[in-house]
Amino acid sequence: MAQIQTFTWVNPSAAVARDLDCGFRVAKIEIYDQSNMNSVASPAVFKKGVWTLDMAAASAMIMKNSDGAATDVSSYITANGVTALDMQASFGSVVSGFTNAAPGVVTVANGSLFKAGDVIRVEGMIQTGTGLSKNGQWAVASVAGSSLTLVASTASGYQAYNAGGIATVVERLNQDGELQPYVTVNTAVQGVNLGIGVVGAALSVMKAVCYGEMNVV
């Protein structure tokens, strides 16, 4: 049986590149702009894209209508197409900042991994100056985008953040509001990145079908 994963989404008002986490190494992907399959727009709009694993990163075969006409034409793009994502393992989120403030704020690459009430472990940061290290465990008061606001103050007595670091969740509140140990999960993505050349038009209803290179029983 083939590995197949299907995705549907509606683009925001300004269509942007997006990652699709298929859960396997992608051998081929087909992308459809379902809102524009009958388009006769001028300038022409993207209708369909195809990429296979033996094609270059960021490339794709795409189909658009002719400017202002119903005739569809194909072309090969070498930028803003499809790129394979084949991360083997990723745990937690990369830290890019940790303020000395009241309260302290940790800036991470992926804030969606964290929730208010979490206890997180920050490790591997390079720090400068004298004082206590901010590598360690911290309680999170709130999460806004990529910013984790802590319960504790780091305004004084701590070294300044310089570079690096990883933040992971070690405890999370259960339904009864009690902290319980949290199993760190692998957040690595195996799939593809869709560039702006294949992601479709603003507000379009999109569909993508990913085919894996391995068969499963």
C-alpha atoms as a PDB file:
ATOM      1  CA  MET A   1       0.000   0.000   0.000  1.00  0.00           C
ATOM      2  CA  ALA A   2       1.365   3.401  -0.948  1.00  0.00           C
ATOM      3  CA  GLN A   3       2.054   6.198   1.519  1.00  0.00           C
ATOM      4  CA  ILE A   4      -0.431   8.978   0.737  1.00  0.00           C
ATOM      5  CA  GLN A   5      -1.291  12.110   2.723  1.00  0.00           C
ATOM      6  CA  THR A   6      -3.862  14.695   1.622  1.00  0.00           C
ATOM      7  CA  PHE A   7      -4.031  18.308   2.830  1.00  0.00           C
ATOM      8  CA  THR A   8      -6.700  20.957   2.291  1.00  0.00           C
ATOM      9  CA  TRP A   9      -6.583  24.576   3.444  1.00  0.00           C
ATOM     10  CA  VAL A  10      -7.782  28.085   2.638  1.00  0.00           C
ATOM     11  CA  ASN A  11      -5.064  30.628   1.939  1.00  0.00           C
ATOM     12  CA  PRO A  12      -4.972  33.829   3.982  1.00  0.00           C
ATOM     13  CA  SER A  13      -5.631  37.177   2.329  1.00  0.00           C
ATOM     14  CA  ALA A  14      -1.939  37.306   1.475  1.00  0.00           C
ATOM     15  CA  ALA A  15      -0.907  33.805   0.458  1.00  0.00           C
ATOM     16  CA  VAL A  16       2.402  32.749   2.031  1.00  0.00           C
ATOM     17  CA  ALA A  17       4.764  29.777   1.841  1.00  0.00           C
ATOM     18  CA  ARG A  18       3.822  26.851   4.072  1.00  0.00           C
ATOM     19  CA  ASP A  19       5.213  23.575   5.397  1.00  0.00           C
ATOM     20  CA  LEU A  20       3.269  20.319   4.996  1.00  0.00           C
ATOM     21  CA  ASP A  21       4.180  17.661   7.579  1.00  0.00           C
ATOM     22  CA  CYS A  22       3.426  14.404   5.766  1.00  0.00           C
ATOM     23  CA  GLY A  23       5.104  12.063   8.247  1.00  0.00           C
ATOM     24  CA  PHE A  24       7.177  10.407   5.529  1.00  0.00           C
ATOM     25  CA  ARG A  25       9.748  11.250   2.854  1.00  0.00           C
ATOM     26  CA  VAL A  26       7.829  12.659  -0.109  1.00  0.00           C
ATOM     27  CA  ALA A  27       8.527  11.211  -3.557  1.00  0.00           C
ATOM     28  CA  LYS A  28       5.876  13.264  -5.370  1.00  0.00           C
ATOM     29  CA  ILE A  29       3.392  16.009  -4.579  1.00  0.00           C
ATOM     30  CA  GLU A  30       0.496  17.428  -6.568  1.00  0.00           C
ATOM     31  CA  ILE A  31      -0.936  20.843  -5.607  1.00  0.00           C
ATOM     32  CA  TYR A  32      -4.290  22.189  -6.820  1.00  0.00           C
ATOM     33  CA  ASP A  33      -5.847  25.648  -6.518  1.00  0.00           C
ATOM     34  CA  GLN A  34      -9.464  24.484  -6.456  1.00  0.00           C
ATOM     35  CA  SER A  35     -10.801  28.034  -6.592  1.00  0.00           C
ATOM     36  CA  ASN A  36      -9.102  28.807  -9.904  1.00  0.00           C
ATOM     37  CA  MET A  37      -9.300  25.629 -11.984  1.00  0.00           C
ATOM     38  CA  ASN A  38     -11.541  27.421 -14.550  1.00  0.00           C
ATOM     39  CA  SER A  39      -9.782  30.762 -14.374  1.00  0.00           C
ATOM     40  CA  VAL A  40      -9.408  32.995 -17.430  1.00  0.00           C
ATOM     41  CA  ALA A  41      -7.781  35.776 -15.426  1.00  0.00           C
ATOM     42  CA  SER A  42      -5.190  38.226 -16.678  1.00  0.00           C
ATOM     43  CA  PRO A  43      -2.505  38.046 -15.458  1.00  0.00           C
ATOM     44  CA  ALA A  44      -2.705  34.258 -15.410  1.00  0.00           C
ATOM     45  CA  VAL A  45      -3.055  32.448 -12.096  1.00  0.00           C
ATOM     46  CA  PHE A  46      -1.577  29.221 -10.747  1.00  0.00           C
ATOM     47  CA  LYS A  47      -3.859  26.182 -11.150  1.00  0.00           C
ATOM     48  CA  LYS A  48      -1.750  23.080 -10.554  1.00  0.00           C
ATOM     49  CA  GLY A  49       1.789  22.127  -9.565  1.00  0.00           C
ATOM     50  CA  VAL A  50       3.761  18.873  -9.547  1.00  0.00           C
ATOM     51  CA  TRP A  51       7.122  18.108  -7.942  1.00  0.00           C
ATOM     52  CA  THR A  52       9.079  14.858  -7.600  1.00  0.00           C
ATOM     53  CA  LEU A  53      12.018  13.953  -5.390  1.00  0.00           C
ATOM     54  CA  ASP A  54      14.485  13.846  -8.286  1.00  0.00           C
ATOM     55  CA  MET A  55      13.739  17.499  -9.140  1.00  0.00           C
ATOM     56  CA  ALA A  56      15.804  20.356  -7.736  1.00  0.00           C
ATOM     57  CA  ALA A  57      14.884  22.052  -4.469  1.00  0.00           C
ATOM     58  CA  ALA A  58      12.500  25.022  -4.927  1.00  0.00           C
ATOM     59  CA  SER A  59      11.497  23.860  -8.415  1.00  0.00           C
ATOM     60  CA  ALA A  60       8.162  22.601  -9.802  1.00  0.00           C
ATOM     61  CA  MET A  61       6.207  21.968 -12.961  1.00  0.00           C
ATOM     62  CA  ILE A  62       3.256  24.354 -12.871  1.00  0.00           C
ATOM     63  CA  MET A  63       0.150  25.004 -14.952  1.00  0.00           C
ATOM     64  CA  LYS A  64      -1.521  28.390 -15.410  1.00  0.00           C
ATOM     65  CA  ASN A  65      -4.122  29.709 -17.800  1.00  0.00           C
ATOM     66  CA  SER A  66      -2.967  31.896 -20.666  1.00  0.00           C
ATOM     67  CA  ASP A  67      -3.362  35.579 -19.858  1.00  0.00           C
ATOM     68  CA  GLY A  68      -7.057  36.325 -20.147  1.00  0.00           C
ATOM     69  CA  ALA A  69      -7.861  33.007 -21.847  1.00  0.00           C
ATOM     70  CA  ALA A  70      -9.025  29.513 -20.951  1.00  0.00           C
ATOM     71  CA  THR A  71      -6.018  27.789 -22.548  1.00  0.00           C
ATOM     72  CA  ASP A  72      -3.744  26.242 -19.918  1.00  0.00           C
ATOM     73  CA  VAL A  73       0.025  26.363 -20.338  1.00  0.00           C
ATOM     74  CA  SER A  74       2.749  24.558 -18.396  1.00  0.00           C
ATOM     75  CA  SER A  75       6.147  25.809 -17.303  1.00  0.00           C
ATOM     76  CA  TYR A  76       9.072  24.773 -15.141  1.00  0.00           C
ATOM     77  CA  ILE A  77      10.036  27.100 -12.291  1.00  0.00           C
ATOM     78  CA  THR A  78      13.378  26.956 -10.462  1.00  0.00           C
ATOM     79  CA  ALA A  79      12.533  29.235  -7.522  1.00  0.00           C
ATOM     80  CA  ASN A  80       9.655  29.470  -5.029  1.00  0.00           C
ATOM     81  CA  GLY A  81       8.530  25.938  -5.855  1.00  0.00           C
ATOM     82  CA  VAL A  82       8.684  22.806  -3.685  1.00  0.00           C
ATOM     83  CA  THR A  83      11.504  21.851  -1.319  1.00  0.00           C
ATOM     84  CA  ALA A  84      11.764  18.564   0.561  1.00  0.00           C
ATOM     85  CA  LEU A  85      11.802  18.712   4.368  1.00  0.00           C
ATOM     86  CA  ASP A  86      13.565  15.710   5.831  1.00  0.00           C
ATOM     87  CA  MET A  87      14.355  16.515   9.466  1.00  0.00           C
ATOM     88  CA  GLN A  88      15.375  13.379  11.332  1.00  0.00           C
ATOM     89  CA  ALA A  89      14.779  14.638  14.877  1.00  0.00           C
ATOM     90  CA  SER A  90      13.845  17.891  16.560  1.00  0.00           C
ATOM     91  CA  PHE A  91      12.898  18.214  20.193  1.00  0.00           C
ATOM     92  CA  GLY A  92      11.555  21.425  21.692  1.00  0.00           C
ATOM     93  CA  SER A  93      12.180  24.779  20.054  1.00  0.00           C
ATOM     94  CA  VAL A  94      15.260  26.858  19.346  1.00  0.00           C
ATOM     95  CA  VAL A  95      15.733  29.849  21.666  1.00  0.00           C
ATOM     96  CA  SER A  96      16.671  33.196  20.118  1.00  0.00           C
ATOM     97  CA  GLY A  97      16.374  35.431  23.183  1.00  0.00           C
ATOM     98  CA  PHE A  98      15.941  35.471  26.962  1.00  0.00           C
ATOM     99  CA  THR A  99      15.460  38.860  28.594  1.00  0.00           C
ATOM    100  CA  ASN A 100      16.730  40.080  31.934  1.00  0.00           C
ATOM    101  CA  ALA A 101      13.407  41.599  32.955  1.00  0.00           C
ATOM    102  CA  ALA A 102      10.506  41.391  35.396  1.00  0.00           C
ATOM    103  CA  PRO A 103       9.078  39.008  34.370  1.00  0.00           C
ATOM    104  CA  GLY A 104      11.575  37.268  32.111  1.00  0.00           C
ATOM    105  CA  VAL A 105      10.615  36.522  28.496  1.00  0.00           C
ATOM    106  CA  VAL A 106      11.978  33.651  26.399  1.00  0.00           C
ATOM    107  CA  THR A 107      11.767  34.007  22.614  1.00  0.00           C
ATOM    108  CA  VAL A 108      11.460  30.718  20.731  1.00  0.00           C
ATOM    109  CA  ALA A 109      11.137  29.679  17.095  1.00  0.00           C
ATOM    110  CA  ASN A 110       7.866  27.773  17.582  1.00  0.00           C
ATOM    111  CA  GLY A 111       5.620  29.184  20.288  1.00  0.00           C
ATOM    112  CA  SER A 112       2.788  26.782  19.377  1.00  0.00           C
ATOM    113  CA  LEU A 113       4.602  24.001  21.266  1.00  0.00           C
ATOM    114  CA  PHE A 114       4.042  25.775  24.597  1.00  0.00           C
ATOM    115  CA  LYS A 115       1.077  26.647  26.823  1.00  0.00           C
ATOM    116  CA  ALA A 116       0.465  28.894  29.819  1.00  0.00           C
ATOM    117  CA  GLY A 117       1.161  26.899  32.983  1.00  0.00           C
ATOM    118  CA  ASP A 118       3.942  24.804  31.427  1.00  0.00           C
ATOM    119  CA  VAL A 119       7.202  24.210  33.188  1.00  0.00           C
ATOM    120  CA  ILE A 120       9.960  24.429  30.599  1.00  0.00           C
ATOM    121  CA  ARG A 121      13.634  23.542  30.576  1.00  0.00           C
ATOM    122  CA  VAL A 122      15.989  25.932  28.832  1.00  0.00           C
ATOM    123  CA  GLU A 123      19.439  24.539  28.132  1.00  0.00           C
ATOM    124  CA  GLY A 124      22.454  25.083  25.930  1.00  0.00           C
ATOM    125  CA  MET A 125      22.342  28.889  25.950  1.00  0.00           C
ATOM    126  CA  ILE A 126      25.560  30.878  25.721  1.00  0.00           C
ATOM    127  CA  GLN A 127      25.497  33.716  28.241  1.00  0.00           C
ATOM    128  CA  THR A 128      27.768  36.619  29.067  1.00  0.00           C
ATOM    129  CA  GLY A 129      28.718  38.608  32.144  1.00  0.00           C
ATOM    130  CA  THR A 130      28.578  37.510  35.753  1.00  0.00           C
ATOM    131  CA  GLY A 131      25.734  36.099  37.803  1.00  0.00           C
ATOM    132  CA  LEU A 132      23.368  33.144  37.716  1.00  0.00           C
ATOM    133  CA  SER A 133      22.803  31.101  34.600  1.00  0.00           C
ATOM    134  CA  LYS A 134      19.329  31.214  33.041  1.00  0.00           C
ATOM    135  CA  ASN A 135      19.770  27.646  31.799  1.00  0.00           C
ATOM    136  CA  GLY A 136      17.321  25.649  33.926  1.00  0.00           C
ATOM    137  CA  GLN A 137      13.606  25.152  34.597  1.00  0.00           C
ATOM    138  CA  TRP A 138      11.050  27.959  34.463  1.00  0.00           C
ATOM    139  CA  ALA A 139       7.269  28.260  34.877  1.00  0.00           C
ATOM    140  CA  VAL A 140       5.433  29.899  31.959  1.00  0.00           C
ATOM    141  CA  ALA A 141       2.764  32.493  32.805  1.00  0.00           C
ATOM    142  CA  SER A 142       1.564  33.193  29.255  1.00  0.00           C
ATOM    143  CA  VAL A 143       2.330  32.567  25.596  1.00  0.00           C
ATOM    144  CA  ALA A 144       1.945  35.138  22.824  1.00  0.00           C
ATOM    145  CA  GLY A 145       3.277  34.145  19.425  1.00  0.00           C
ATOM    146  CA  SER A 146       6.941  33.292  19.871  1.00  0.00           C
ATOM    147  CA  SER A 147       7.210  34.925  23.313  1.00  0.00           C
ATOM    148  CA  LEU A 148       6.997  32.885  26.521  1.00  0.00           C
ATOM    149  CA  THR A 149       6.456  35.185  29.494  1.00  0.00           C
ATOM    150  CA  LEU A 150       7.690  33.574  32.702  1.00  0.00           C
ATOM    151  CA  VAL A 151       6.300  33.694  36.220  1.00  0.00           C
ATOM    152  CA  ALA A 152       9.697  34.604  37.639  1.00  0.00           C
ATOM    153  CA  SER A 153      11.727  37.782  37.326  1.00  0.00           C
ATOM    154  CA  THR A 154      15.169  37.655  35.738  1.00  0.00           C
ATOM    155  CA  ALA A 155      15.699  41.403  36.091  1.00  0.00           C
ATOM    156  CA  SER A 156      18.787  41.171  38.284  1.00  0.00           C
ATOM    157  CA  GLY A 157      21.433  38.687  39.286  1.00  0.00           C
ATOM    158  CA  TYR A 158      21.403  36.756  36.002  1.00  0.00           C
ATOM    159  CA  GLN A 159      23.802  36.588  33.077  1.00  0.00           C
ATOM    160  CA  ALA A 160      22.735  38.149  29.777  1.00  0.00           C
ATOM    161  CA  TYR A 161      21.595  35.993  26.878  1.00  0.00           C
ATOM    162  CA  ASN A 162      24.127  35.769  24.050  1.00  0.00           C
ATOM    163  CA  ALA A 163      23.178  32.957  21.666  1.00  0.00           C
ATOM    164  CA  GLY A 164      21.760  29.470  21.189  1.00  0.00           C
ATOM    165  CA  GLY A 165      19.629  27.302  23.424  1.00  0.00           C
ATOM    166  CA  ILE A 166      16.713  24.893  23.272  1.00  0.00           C
ATOM    167  CA  ALA A 167      13.438  25.112  25.227  1.00  0.00           C
ATOM    168  CA  THR A 168      11.402  21.978  25.962  1.00  0.00           C
ATOM    169  CA  VAL A 169       8.283  21.293  28.042  1.00  0.00           C
ATOM    170  CA  VAL A 170       8.959  19.134  31.099  1.00  0.00           C
ATOM    171  CA  GLU A 171       5.624  19.524  32.946  1.00  0.00           C
ATOM    172  CA  ARG A 172       2.129  20.464  31.754  1.00  0.00           C
ATOM    173  CA  LEU A 173      -1.203  21.074  33.500  1.00  0.00           C
ATOM    174  CA  ASN A 174      -3.737  18.250  33.203  1.00  0.00           C
ATOM    175  CA  GLN A 175      -7.527  18.695  33.064  1.00  0.00           C
ATOM    176  CA  ASP A 176      -7.632  19.040  36.840  1.00  0.00           C
ATOM    177  CA  GLY A 177      -5.079  21.848  36.800  1.00  0.00           C
ATOM    178  CA  GLU A 178      -2.317  19.678  38.229  1.00  0.00           C
ATOM    179  CA  LEU A 179       1.200  19.671  36.845  1.00  0.00           C
ATOM    180  CA  GLN A 180       2.262  16.341  35.444  1.00  0.00           C
ATOM    181  CA  PRO A 181       5.450  15.188  33.697  1.00  0.00           C
ATOM    182  CA  TYR A 182       5.267  15.845  29.964  1.00  0.00           C
ATOM    183  CA  VAL A 183       6.812  13.471  27.449  1.00  0.00           C
ATOM    184  CA  THR A 184       8.970  15.415  25.009  1.00  0.00           C
ATOM    185  CA  VAL A 185       7.856  14.658  21.482  1.00  0.00           C
ATOM    186  CA  ASN A 186       9.774  14.699  18.223  1.00  0.00           C
ATOM    187  CA  THR A 187       8.628  17.830  16.362  1.00  0.00           C
ATOM    188  CA  ALA A 188      10.719  17.143  13.256  1.00  0.00           C
ATOM    189  CA  VAL A 189       8.941  17.620   9.954  1.00  0.00           C
ATOM    190  CA  GLN A 190       9.099  15.108   7.124  1.00  0.00           C
ATOM    191  CA  GLY A 191       7.298  16.536   4.166  1.00  0.00           C
ATOM    192  CA  VAL A 192       7.644  19.556   1.895  1.00  0.00           C
ATOM    193  CA  ASN A 193       7.797  23.321   1.898  1.00  0.00           C
ATOM    194  CA  LEU A 194       5.531  25.026  -0.640  1.00  0.00           C
ATOM    195  CA  GLY A 195       6.953  28.284  -1.934  1.00  0.00           C
ATOM    196  CA  ILE A 196       4.887  31.223  -3.109  1.00  0.00           C
ATOM    197  CA  GLY A 197       5.072  29.961  -6.687  1.00  0.00           C
ATOM    198  CA  VAL A 198       2.950  26.890  -5.895  1.00  0.00           C
ATOM    199  CA  VAL A 199       0.973  27.834  -2.805  1.00  0.00           C
ATOM    200  CA  GLY A 200      -1.941  29.306  -4.775  1.00  0.00           C
ATOM    201  CA  ALA A 201      -3.736  32.632  -4.807  1.00  0.00           C
ATOM    202  CA  ALA A 202      -4.964  34.675  -1.884  1.00  0.00           C
ATOM    203  CA  LEU A 203      -8.116  33.217  -0.274  1.00  0.00           C
ATOM    204  CA  SER A 204      -8.033  30.170  -2.567  1.00  0.00           C
ATOM    205  CA  VAL A 205      -9.222  26.744  -1.443  1.00  0.00           C
ATOM    206  CA  MET A 206      -6.165  24.535  -1.868  1.00  0.00           C
ATOM    207  CA  LYS A 207      -5.532  20.800  -1.989  1.00  0.00           C
ATOM    208  CA  ALA A 208      -2.248  18.907  -1.975  1.00  0.00           C
ATOM    209  CA  VAL A 209      -1.614  15.175  -2.294  1.00  0.00           C
ATOM    210  CA  CYS A 210       1.729  13.803  -1.087  1.00  0.00           C
ATOM    211  CA  TYR A 211       2.999  10.372  -2.149  1.00  0.00           C
ATOM    212  CA  GLY A 212       5.721   8.647  -0.140  1.00  0.00           C
ATOM    213  CA  GLU A 213       8.702   6.838  -1.635  1.00  0.00           C
ATOM    214  CA  MET A 214       8.091   3.727   0.489  1.00  0.00           C
ATOM    215  CA  ASN A 215       5.247   1.205   0.444  1.00  0.00           C
ATOM    216  CA  VAL A 216       3.731   0.110   3.757  1.00  0.00           C
ATOM    217  CA  VAL A 217       2.034  -3.161   4.595  1.00  0.00           C
END
